[in-house]
Protein backbone atom coordinates (compact mmCIF):
# COMPACT_ATOMS: atom_id res chain seq x y z
CA MET A 1 -20.78 42.81 -43.39
CA ILE A 2 -18.70 42.90 -40.20
CA GLY A 3 -16.40 45.48 -41.76
CA ARG A 4 -19.32 47.71 -42.62
CA THR A 5 -20.78 47.34 -39.12
CA ILE A 6 -17.45 48.33 -37.57
CA ALA A 7 -17.32 51.29 -39.94
CA ALA A 8 -20.93 52.25 -39.23
CA VAL A 9 -20.60 52.43 -35.45
CA PRO A 10 -17.20 53.32 -33.93
CA VAL A 11 -15.55 54.86 -37.01
CA ASN A 12 -18.72 56.75 -37.88
CA TYR A 13 -18.90 58.01 -34.29
CA ALA A 14 -15.32 59.28 -34.47
CA LEU A 15 -15.89 61.03 -37.80
CA SER A 16 -19.17 62.55 -36.63
CA SER A 17 -17.51 63.79 -33.43
CA ILE A 18 -14.70 65.47 -35.35
CA ALA A 19 -17.16 67.09 -37.76
CA THR A 20 -19.30 68.28 -34.85
CA ALA A 21 -16.30 69.84 -33.11
CA LEU A 22 -15.32 71.64 -36.31
CA LEU A 23 -18.85 72.95 -36.77
CA ALA A 24 -19.04 74.13 -33.17
CA ARG A 25 -15.77 76.02 -33.55
CA HIS A 26 -16.61 77.71 -36.86
CA LEU A 27 -20.35 78.38 -37.09
CA PRO A 28 -20.91 82.16 -37.27
CA MET A 29 -22.97 82.58 -34.11
CA ARG A 30 -22.48 82.85 -30.37
CA PRO A 31 -20.43 79.95 -28.98
CA SER A 32 -23.33 78.51 -26.98
CA GLU A 33 -25.64 78.56 -29.99
CA ALA A 34 -22.91 77.13 -32.23
CA SER A 35 -22.39 74.27 -29.80
CA ILE A 36 -26.10 73.43 -29.64
CA THR A 37 -26.52 73.72 -33.41
CA ALA A 38 -23.49 71.51 -34.07
CA THR A 39 -24.75 68.92 -31.59
CA LEU A 40 -28.16 68.80 -33.26
CA LEU A 41 -26.52 68.50 -36.69
CA SER A 42 -24.36 65.63 -35.42
CA TYR A 43 -27.39 63.32 -35.43
CA LEU A 44 -27.95 64.10 -39.11
CA ILE A 45 -24.26 63.64 -39.91
CA PHE A 46 -24.17 60.27 -38.13
CA ALA A 47 -27.31 59.00 -39.89
CA VAL A 48 -26.19 60.11 -43.36
CA LEU A 49 -22.74 58.56 -42.89
CA ALA A 50 -24.29 55.27 -41.73
CA MET A 51 -26.50 55.17 -44.81
CA MET A 52 -23.54 55.94 -47.06
CA ILE A 53 -21.48 53.19 -45.44
CA PHE A 54 -24.10 50.53 -46.10
CA ALA A 55 -24.92 51.87 -49.57
CA ALA A 56 -21.30 51.86 -50.79
CA ARG A 57 -20.64 49.37 -53.57
CA SER A 58 -17.07 48.58 -52.54
CA THR A 59 -15.96 47.97 -48.97
CA ARG A 60 -12.41 48.95 -49.87
CA ARG A 61 -13.48 52.29 -51.36
CA MET A 62 -15.72 52.93 -48.35
CA TRP A 63 -12.81 52.36 -45.94
CA LEU A 64 -10.52 54.61 -47.99
CA TRP A 65 -13.13 57.36 -47.99
CA LEU A 66 -13.77 57.04 -44.25
CA GLY A 67 -10.07 56.99 -43.44
CA SER A 68 -9.24 60.00 -45.57
CA ALA A 69 -12.24 61.96 -44.29
CA THR A 70 -11.36 61.18 -40.67
CA VAL A 71 -7.70 62.11 -41.11
CA GLY A 72 -8.52 65.22 -43.14
CA LEU A 73 -11.14 66.57 -40.76
CA GLY A 74 -8.98 65.60 -37.78
CA LEU A 75 -6.11 67.60 -39.23
CA LEU A 76 -8.39 70.60 -39.77
CA LEU A 77 -9.63 70.34 -36.18
CA TRP A 78 -6.07 70.10 -34.88
CA LEU A 79 -5.06 73.16 -36.91
CA SER A 80 -8.10 75.05 -35.66
CA ILE A 81 -7.25 74.26 -32.05
CA HIS A 82 -3.52 74.84 -32.51
CA PHE A 83 -3.87 78.20 -34.25
CA GLY A 84 -6.73 79.41 -32.09
CA GLY A 85 -10.13 79.04 -33.67
CA ARG A 86 -13.32 80.13 -31.99
CA LEU A 87 -14.57 78.86 -28.62
């Protein structure tokens, strides 16, 4: 249960932040509107991820999924920043 709680708060926050930054950079609207829309969607992303973390059958599989999603989205964000995405 402690592992899931750690995953549901700080790791979930990191993954939600990365996903929000990617959304803000790539939504097809003005940058200010994309930023606001991504921020509003971040609450949904965080809640859905928290529910998925506690609903997962295997803690090991949940950690593998969270780790790969965080690394994958982090790499996409880094590439977007490095090669000049929007904003």
